[in-house]
C-alpha atoms as a PDB file:
ATOM      1  CA  UNK A   1      -0.090   0.004  -0.038  1.00  0.00           C
ATOM      2  CA  UNK A   2       1.310   3.394  -0.844  1.00  0.00           C
ATOM      3  CA  UNK A   3       2.139   5.628   2.175  1.00  0.00           C
ATOM      4  CA  UNK A   4      -0.025   8.882   2.464  1.00  0.00           C
ATOM      5  CA  UNK A   5       1.494  12.055   2.758  1.00  0.00           C
ATOM      6  CA  UNK A   6       0.373  14.365   5.672  1.00  0.00           C
ATOM      7  CA  UNK A   7      -2.302  16.866   4.634  1.00  0.00           C
ATOM      8  CA  UNK A   8      -0.673  20.375   4.477  1.00  0.00           C
ATOM      9  CA  UNK A   9      -1.599  22.629   7.345  1.00  0.00           C
ATOM     10  CA  UNK A  10      -4.496  25.065   6.415  1.00  0.00           C
ATOM     11  CA  UNK A  11      -3.387  28.565   5.494  1.00  0.00           C
ATOM     12  CA  UNK A  12      -5.239  30.192   8.260  1.00  0.00           C
ATOM     13  CA  UNK A  13      -3.578  27.855  10.866  1.00  0.00           C
ATOM     14  CA  UNK A  14      -0.119  29.314   9.392  1.00  0.00           C
ATOM     15  CA  UNK A  15      -1.208  32.594   9.591  1.00  0.00           C
ATOM     16  CA  UNK A  16      -2.386  32.360  13.234  1.00  0.00           C
ATOM     17  CA  UNK A  17       1.156  30.636  14.053  1.00  0.00           C
ATOM     18  CA  UNK A  18       2.914  33.146  12.460  1.00  0.00           C
ATOM     19  CA  UNK A  19       0.942  35.977  14.451  1.00  0.00           C
ATOM     20  CA  UNK A  20       1.605  34.234  17.530  1.00  0.00           C
ATOM     21  CA  UNK A  21       5.391  34.051  17.058  1.00  0.00           C
ATOM     22  CA  UNK A  22       5.619  37.760  15.992  1.00  0.00           C
ATOM     23  CA  UNK A  23       3.537  38.435  19.308  1.00  0.00           C
ATOM     24  CA  UNK A  24       5.652  36.560  21.506  1.00  0.00           C
ATOM     25  CA  UNK A  25       8.766  38.005  19.656  1.00  0.00           C
ATOM     26  CA  UNK A  26       7.688  41.636  20.406  1.00  0.00           C
ATOM     27  CA  UNK A  27       6.898  40.802  23.896  1.00  0.00           C
ATOM     28  CA  UNK A  28      10.184  39.022  24.644  1.00  0.00           C
ATOM     29  CA  UNK A  29      12.221  42.027  23.332  1.00  0.00           C
ATOM     30  CA  UNK A  30      10.006  44.455  25.103  1.00  0.00           C
ATOM     31  CA  UNK A  31      10.569  42.568  28.637  1.00  0.00           C
ATOM     32  CA  UNK A  32      14.374  42.424  27.797  1.00  0.00           C
ATOM     33  CA  UNK A  33      14.540  46.155  27.144  1.00  0.00           C
ATOM     34  CA  UNK A  34      12.048  46.988  30.195  1.00  0.00           C
ATOM     35  CA  UNK A  35      14.262  45.065  32.604  1.00  0.00           C
ATOM     36  CA  UNK A  36      17.631  46.453  31.234  1.00  0.00           C
ATOM     37  CA  UNK A  37      16.756  50.341  31.302  1.00  0.00           C
ATOM     38  CA  UNK A  38      13.271  50.489  32.869  1.00  0.00           C
ATOM     39  CA  UNK A  39       9.503  50.432  31.675  1.00  0.00           C
ATOM     40  CA  UNK A  40       9.226  54.152  31.734  1.00  0.00           C
ATOM     41  CA  UNK A  41      12.142  54.894  29.909  1.00  0.00           C
ATOM     42  CA  UNK A  42      11.776  52.315  27.189  1.00  0.00           C
ATOM     43  CA  UNK A  43       9.923  53.557  24.124  1.00  0.00           C
ATOM     44  CA  UNK A  44       7.751  51.713  21.392  1.00  0.00           C
ATOM     45  CA  UNK A  45      10.106  52.859  18.874  1.00  0.00           C
ATOM     46  CA  UNK A  46      12.962  51.013  20.611  1.00  0.00           C
ATOM     47  CA  UNK A  47      11.009  47.796  21.010  1.00  0.00           C
ATOM     48  CA  UNK A  48      10.213  47.797  17.333  1.00  0.00           C
ATOM     49  CA  UNK A  49      13.766  48.287  16.221  1.00  0.00           C
ATOM     50  CA  UNK A  50      14.820  45.418  18.684  1.00  0.00           C
ATOM     51  CA  UNK A  51      12.300  43.301  17.060  1.00  0.00           C
ATOM     52  CA  UNK A  52      12.755  44.405  13.602  1.00  0.00           C
ATOM     53  CA  UNK A  53       9.331  45.197  13.157  1.00  0.00           C
ATOM     54  CA  UNK A  54       7.419  48.400  12.172  1.00  0.00           C
ATOM     55  CA  UNK A  55       6.354  50.365  15.150  1.00  0.00           C
ATOM     56  CA  UNK A  56       2.448  50.280  13.856  1.00  0.00           C
ATOM     57  CA  UNK A  57       3.067  46.315  14.032  1.00  0.00           C
ATOM     58  CA  UNK A  58       3.919  46.812  17.793  1.00  0.00           C
ATOM     59  CA  UNK A  59       0.898  48.642  18.532  1.00  0.00           C
ATOM     60  CA  UNK A  60      -1.520  46.541  16.354  1.00  0.00           C
ATOM     61  CA  UNK A  61      -0.455  43.666  18.721  1.00  0.00           C
ATOM     62  CA  UNK A  62      -0.273  45.679  21.989  1.00  0.00           C
ATOM     63  CA  UNK A  63      -2.743  48.434  22.424  1.00  0.00           C
ATOM     64  CA  UNK A  64      -1.041  49.874  25.462  1.00  0.00           C
ATOM     65  CA  UNK A  65       2.631  49.872  26.304  1.00  0.00           C
ATOM     66  CA  UNK A  66       1.620  48.227  29.698  1.00  0.00           C
ATOM     67  CA  UNK A  67       0.302  45.176  27.827  1.00  0.00           C
ATOM     68  CA  UNK A  68       3.685  44.613  26.427  1.00  0.00           C
ATOM     69  CA  UNK A  69       4.784  44.181  30.218  1.00  0.00           C
ATOM     70  CA  UNK A  70       1.890  42.387  31.701  1.00  0.00           C
ATOM     71  CA  UNK A  71       0.856  40.226  28.844  1.00  0.00           C
ATOM     72  CA  UNK A  72      -1.341  37.644  30.700  1.00  0.00           C
ATOM     73  CA  UNK A  73      -3.700  40.345  31.976  1.00  0.00           C
ATOM     74  CA  UNK A  74      -6.993  38.354  30.963  1.00  0.00           C
ATOM     75  CA  UNK A  75      -5.513  35.210  32.378  1.00  0.00           C
ATOM     76  CA  UNK A  76      -4.957  36.906  35.724  1.00  0.00           C
ATOM     77  CA  UNK A  77      -8.234  38.803  36.006  1.00  0.00           C
ATOM     78  CA  UNK A  78     -10.222  35.906  35.406  1.00  0.00           C
ATOM     79  CA  UNK A  79      -8.385  33.367  37.259  1.00  0.00           C
ATOM     80  CA  UNK A  80     -10.469  33.382  40.419  1.00  0.00           C
ATOM     81  CA  UNK A  81     -13.664  33.338  38.681  1.00  0.00           C
ATOM     82  CA  UNK A  82     -12.679  30.381  36.769  1.00  0.00           C
ATOM     83  CA  UNK A  83     -11.581  28.513  39.956  1.00  0.00           C
ATOM     84  CA  UNK A  84     -15.030  29.128  41.262  1.00  0.00           C
ATOM     85  CA  UNK A  85     -16.565  27.890  38.229  1.00  0.00           C
ATOM     86  CA  UNK A  86     -14.681  24.701  38.107  1.00  0.00           C
ATOM     87  CA  UNK A  87     -15.197  23.855  41.724  1.00  0.00           C
ATOM     88  CA  UNK A  88     -16.140  20.371  42.427  1.00  0.00           C
ATOM     89  CA  UNK A  89     -19.326  18.764  43.428  1.00  0.00           C
ATOM     90  CA  UNK A  90     -19.763  19.715  47.208  1.00  0.00           C
ATOM     91  CA  UNK A  91     -16.743  22.106  47.246  1.00  0.00           C
ATOM     92  CA  UNK A  92     -17.342  25.531  48.466  1.00  0.00           C
ATOM     93  CA  UNK A  93     -15.970  28.822  46.435  1.00  0.00           C
ATOM     94  CA  UNK A  94     -13.356  29.098  49.413  1.00  0.00           C
ATOM     95  CA  UNK A  95     -12.418  25.401  49.082  1.00  0.00           C
ATOM     96  CA  UNK A  96     -12.009  25.890  45.460  1.00  0.00           C
ATOM     97  CA  UNK A  97      -9.930  28.766  45.575  1.00  0.00           C
ATOM     98  CA  UNK A  98      -7.884  27.565  48.356  1.00  0.00           C
ATOM     99  CA  UNK A  99      -7.157  24.549  46.158  1.00  0.00           C
ATOM    100  CA  UNK A 100      -6.459  26.568  42.871  1.00  0.00           C
ATOM    101  CA  UNK A 101      -3.915  28.704  44.804  1.00  0.00           C
ATOM    102  CA  UNK A 102      -2.162  25.742  46.329  1.00  0.00           C
ATOM    103  CA  UNK A 103      -1.669  24.395  42.785  1.00  0.00           C
ATOM    104  CA  UNK A 104      -0.581  27.521  41.627  1.00  0.00           C
ATOM    105  CA  UNK A 105       2.137  27.976  44.298  1.00  0.00           C
ATOM    106  CA  UNK A 106       3.210  24.314  43.652  1.00  0.00           C
ATOM    107  CA  UNK A 107       3.498  25.100  40.038  1.00  0.00           C
ATOM    108  CA  UNK A 108       5.214  28.663  40.779  1.00  0.00           C
ATOM    109  CA  UNK A 109       2.884  30.033  38.346  1.00  0.00           C
ATOM    110  CA  UNK A 110       3.225  33.885  37.405  1.00  0.00           C
ATOM    111  CA  UNK A 111      -0.385  34.394  38.083  1.00  0.00           C
ATOM    112  CA  UNK A 112       0.057  33.695  41.746  1.00  0.00           C
ATOM    113  CA  UNK A 113       3.225  36.364  41.941  1.00  0.00           C
ATOM    114  CA  UNK A 114       6.090  34.160  40.893  1.00  0.00           C
ATOM    115  CA  UNK A 115       7.864  36.194  38.398  1.00  0.00           C
ATOM    116  CA  UNK A 116      11.372  36.320  39.075  1.00  0.00           C
ATOM    117  CA  UNK A 117      13.459  39.133  40.491  1.00  0.00           C
ATOM    118  CA  UNK A 118      14.111  41.161  37.728  1.00  0.00           C
ATOM    119  CA  UNK A 119      10.548  41.139  36.371  1.00  0.00           C
ATOM    120  CA  UNK A 120       9.232  41.946  39.986  1.00  0.00           C
ATOM    121  CA  UNK A 121      11.916  44.904  40.214  1.00  0.00           C
ATOM    122  CA  UNK A 122      10.827  46.288  36.805  1.00  0.00           C
ATOM    123  CA  UNK A 123       7.280  46.392  37.995  1.00  0.00           C
ATOM    124  CA  UNK A 124       7.797  47.888  41.690  1.00  0.00           C
ATOM    125  CA  UNK A 125      10.014  50.616  39.919  1.00  0.00           C
ATOM    126  CA  UNK A 126       7.398  51.628  37.552  1.00  0.00           C
ATOM    127  CA  UNK A 127       4.317  53.939  38.607  1.00  0.00           C
ATOM    128  CA  UNK A 128       2.585  53.098  35.532  1.00  0.00           C
ATOM    129  CA  UNK A 129       2.881  49.237  35.771  1.00  0.00           C
ATOM    130  CA  UNK A 130       2.152  49.264  39.849  1.00  0.00           C
ATOM    131  CA  UNK A 131      -1.022  51.150  38.950  1.00  0.00           C
ATOM    132  CA  UNK A 132      -2.009  48.837  36.324  1.00  0.00           C
ATOM    133  CA  UNK A 133      -1.548  45.887  38.499  1.00  0.00           C
ATOM    134  CA  UNK A 134      -3.518  47.334  41.110  1.00  0.00           C
ATOM    135  CA  UNK A 135      -6.354  47.718  38.377  1.00  0.00           C
ATOM    136  CA  UNK A 136      -5.925  44.098  37.679  1.00  0.00           C
ATOM    137  CA  UNK A 137      -6.431  43.190  41.083  1.00  0.00           C
ATOM    138  CA  UNK A 138      -9.728  45.034  41.177  1.00  0.00           C
ATOM    139  CA  UNK A 139     -11.016  43.454  37.883  1.00  0.00           C
ATOM    140  CA  UNK A 140     -10.235  40.066  39.337  1.00  0.00           C
ATOM    141  CA  UNK A 141     -12.278  40.816  42.279  1.00  0.00           C
ATOM    142  CA  UNK A 142     -15.088  42.066  40.030  1.00  0.00           C
ATOM    143  CA  UNK A 143     -15.252  38.960  37.904  1.00  0.00           C
ATOM    144  CA  UNK A 144     -15.082  36.876  41.053  1.00  0.00           C
ATOM    145  CA  UNK A 145     -18.179  38.611  42.295  1.00  0.00           C
ATOM    146  CA  UNK A 146     -20.010  37.981  38.910  1.00  0.00           C
ATOM    147  CA  UNK A 147     -19.087  34.183  39.175  1.00  0.00           C
ATOM    148  CA  UNK A 148     -20.093  34.115  43.021  1.00  0.00           C
ATOM    149  CA  UNK A 149     -23.326  35.670  42.118  1.00  0.00           C
ATOM    150  CA  UNK A 150     -24.020  33.195  39.194  1.00  0.00           C
ATOM    151  CA  UNK A 151     -23.124  30.172  41.670  1.00  0.00           C
ATOM    152  CA  UNK A 152     -25.513  31.300  44.235  1.00  0.00           C
ATOM    153  CA  UNK A 153     -28.430  32.820  42.031  1.00  0.00           C
ATOM    154  CA  UNK A 154     -27.740  36.191  43.759  1.00  0.00           C
ATOM    155  CA  UNK A 155     -27.445  39.665  41.931  1.00  0.00           C
ATOM    156  CA  UNK A 156     -23.648  40.902  41.448  1.00  0.00           C
ATOM    157  CA  UNK A 157     -24.246  43.983  43.610  1.00  0.00           C
ATOM    158  CA  UNK A 158     -25.704  41.603  46.522  1.00  0.00           C
ATOM    159  CA  UNK A 159     -24.087  42.640  49.677  1.00  0.00           C
ATOM    160  CA  UNK A 160     -23.218  39.171  50.521  1.00  0.00           C
ATOM    161  CA  UNK A 161     -21.834  38.432  46.901  1.00  0.00           C
ATOM    162  CA  UNK A 162     -19.685  41.935  47.226  1.00  0.00           C
ATOM    163  CA  UNK A 163     -18.577  41.139  50.845  1.00  0.00           C
ATOM    164  CA  UNK A 164     -17.453  37.379  49.934  1.00  0.00           C
ATOM    165  CA  UNK A 165     -15.637  38.652  46.581  1.00  0.00           C
ATOM    166  CA  UNK A 166     -13.872  41.463  48.709  1.00  0.00           C
ATOM    167  CA  UNK A 167     -12.796  38.998  51.429  1.00  0.00           C
ATOM    168  CA  UNK A 168     -11.539  36.130  48.956  1.00  0.00           C
ATOM    169  CA  UNK A 169     -10.160  38.716  46.669  1.00  0.00           C
ATOM    170  CA  UNK A 170      -8.198  40.482  49.601  1.00  0.00           C
ATOM    171  CA  UNK A 171      -6.537  37.027  50.569  1.00  0.00           C
ATOM    172  CA  UNK A 172      -5.492  36.507  47.102  1.00  0.00           C
ATOM    173  CA  UNK A 173      -4.025  40.231  46.857  1.00  0.00           C
ATOM    174  CA  UNK A 174      -2.215  39.955  50.121  1.00  0.00           C
ATOM    175  CA  UNK A 175      -0.551  36.648  49.247  1.00  0.00           C
ATOM    176  CA  UNK A 176       0.433  38.164  45.709  1.00  0.00           C
ATOM    177  CA  UNK A 177       2.243  40.929  47.355  1.00  0.00           C
ATOM    178  CA  UNK A 178       3.770  38.751  50.003  1.00  0.00           C
ATOM    179  CA  UNK A 179       5.046  36.616  46.995  1.00  0.00           C
ATOM    180  CA  UNK A 180       6.560  39.568  45.356  1.00  0.00           C
ATOM    181  CA  UNK A 181       8.054  40.848  48.523  1.00  0.00           C
ATOM    182  CA  UNK A 182       9.862  37.860  48.978  1.00  0.00           C
ATOM    183  CA  UNK A 183      11.053  37.806  45.155  1.00  0.00           C
ATOM    184  CA  UNK A 184      12.279  41.081  45.483  1.00  0.00           C
ATOM    185  CA  UNK A 185      14.196  40.270  48.517  1.00  0.00           C
ATOM    186  CA  UNK A 186      16.201  37.666  46.515  1.00  0.00           C
ATOM    187  CA  UNK A 187      14.658  34.541  48.209  1.00  0.00           C
ATOM    188  CA  UNK A 188      14.418  31.464  45.679  1.00  0.00           C
ATOM    189  CA  UNK A 189      11.494  30.199  44.089  1.00  0.00           C
ATOM    190  CA  UNK A 190      11.515  26.959  46.120  1.00  0.00           C
ATOM    191  CA  UNK A 191      11.735  28.738  49.404  1.00  0.00           C
ATOM    192  CA  UNK A 192       9.255  31.173  48.430  1.00  0.00           C
ATOM    193  CA  UNK A 193       6.747  28.499  47.598  1.00  0.00           C
ATOM    194  CA  UNK A 194       7.135  26.740  50.881  1.00  0.00           C
ATOM    195  CA  UNK A 195       6.705  30.216  52.746  1.00  0.00           C
ATOM    196  CA  UNK A 196       3.732  31.018  50.850  1.00  0.00           C
ATOM    197  CA  UNK A 197       1.998  27.671  51.040  1.00  0.00           C
ATOM    198  CA  UNK A 198       2.181  27.885  54.995  1.00  0.00           C
ATOM    199  CA  UNK A 199       1.043  31.404  54.986  1.00  0.00           C
ATOM    200  CA  UNK A 200      -1.635  30.594  52.502  1.00  0.00           C
ATOM    201  CA  UNK A 201      -3.140  27.924  54.589  1.00  0.00           C
ATOM    202  CA  UNK A 202      -3.285  30.510  57.643  1.00  0.00           C
ATOM    203  CA  UNK A 203      -4.805  33.205  55.522  1.00  0.00           C
ATOM    204  CA  UNK A 204      -7.467  30.985  54.109  1.00  0.00           C
ATOM    205  CA  UNK A 205      -8.445  29.508  57.462  1.00  0.00           C
ATOM    206  CA  UNK A 206      -9.302  32.905  58.715  1.00  0.00           C
ATOM    207  CA  UNK A 207     -12.217  32.944  56.190  1.00  0.00           C
ATOM    208  CA  UNK A 208     -13.385  29.468  57.167  1.00  0.00           C
ATOM    209  CA  UNK A 209     -16.020  30.415  59.755  1.00  0.00           C
ATOM    210  CA  UNK A 210     -17.825  32.808  57.468  1.00  0.00           C
ATOM    211  CA  UNK A 211     -17.317  31.236  53.878  1.00  0.00           C
ATOM    212  CA  UNK A 212     -16.610  27.501  54.545  1.00  0.00           C
ATOM    213  CA  UNK A 213     -20.074  26.262  53.172  1.00  0.00           C
ATOM    214  CA  UNK A 214     -20.797  29.636  50.817  1.00  0.00           C
ATOM    215  CA  UNK A 215     -21.440  28.909  47.062  1.00  0.00           C
ATOM    216  CA  UNK A 216     -21.136  25.126  47.451  1.00  0.00           C
ATOM    217  CA  UNK A 217     -21.482  23.336  44.254  1.00  0.00           C
END
């Protein structure tokens, strides 16, 4: 029997792969420049020159300069809501978020704050990026409130939903900043993970009396 040659990849798939490759190339060069000379001092023109693309190409892929540095914004903003939506049968929102955070710490996921010292310093030294990160924490809490409302059949502006989202979001925010602080202090990732895992257990336990049965699947 004659062997069959694999069918060529569709043109649309090749175009999408090329777009992703270009996006990653631009992001990598931008991050390198931001770390080397600071976010505020780096221009879009410098990034375009380093990536060997037109300045317009950079802005087509990244609408804002901040998007070049913090390029996982959607994943971050929706992470808590997705954890609640994926909770297991009989699992509360608190338990699901606690489990998801433990998994993120074990994997040293950047969404949990594991970014490396150079990147963390770049963000901390930039007023623009610091403000952007604060906004992402607020977006994450907003998405969490929507997920909790859907889980409980309440309105998103319900006081219980808002309070629960605020408490759960605050614990996540505190632990994120704690991870960043340890990173800036030069502590190795494995050590940070051990410290944060223990502190997260304490932090989430504080919410157990109020939220242990809330939004149970």
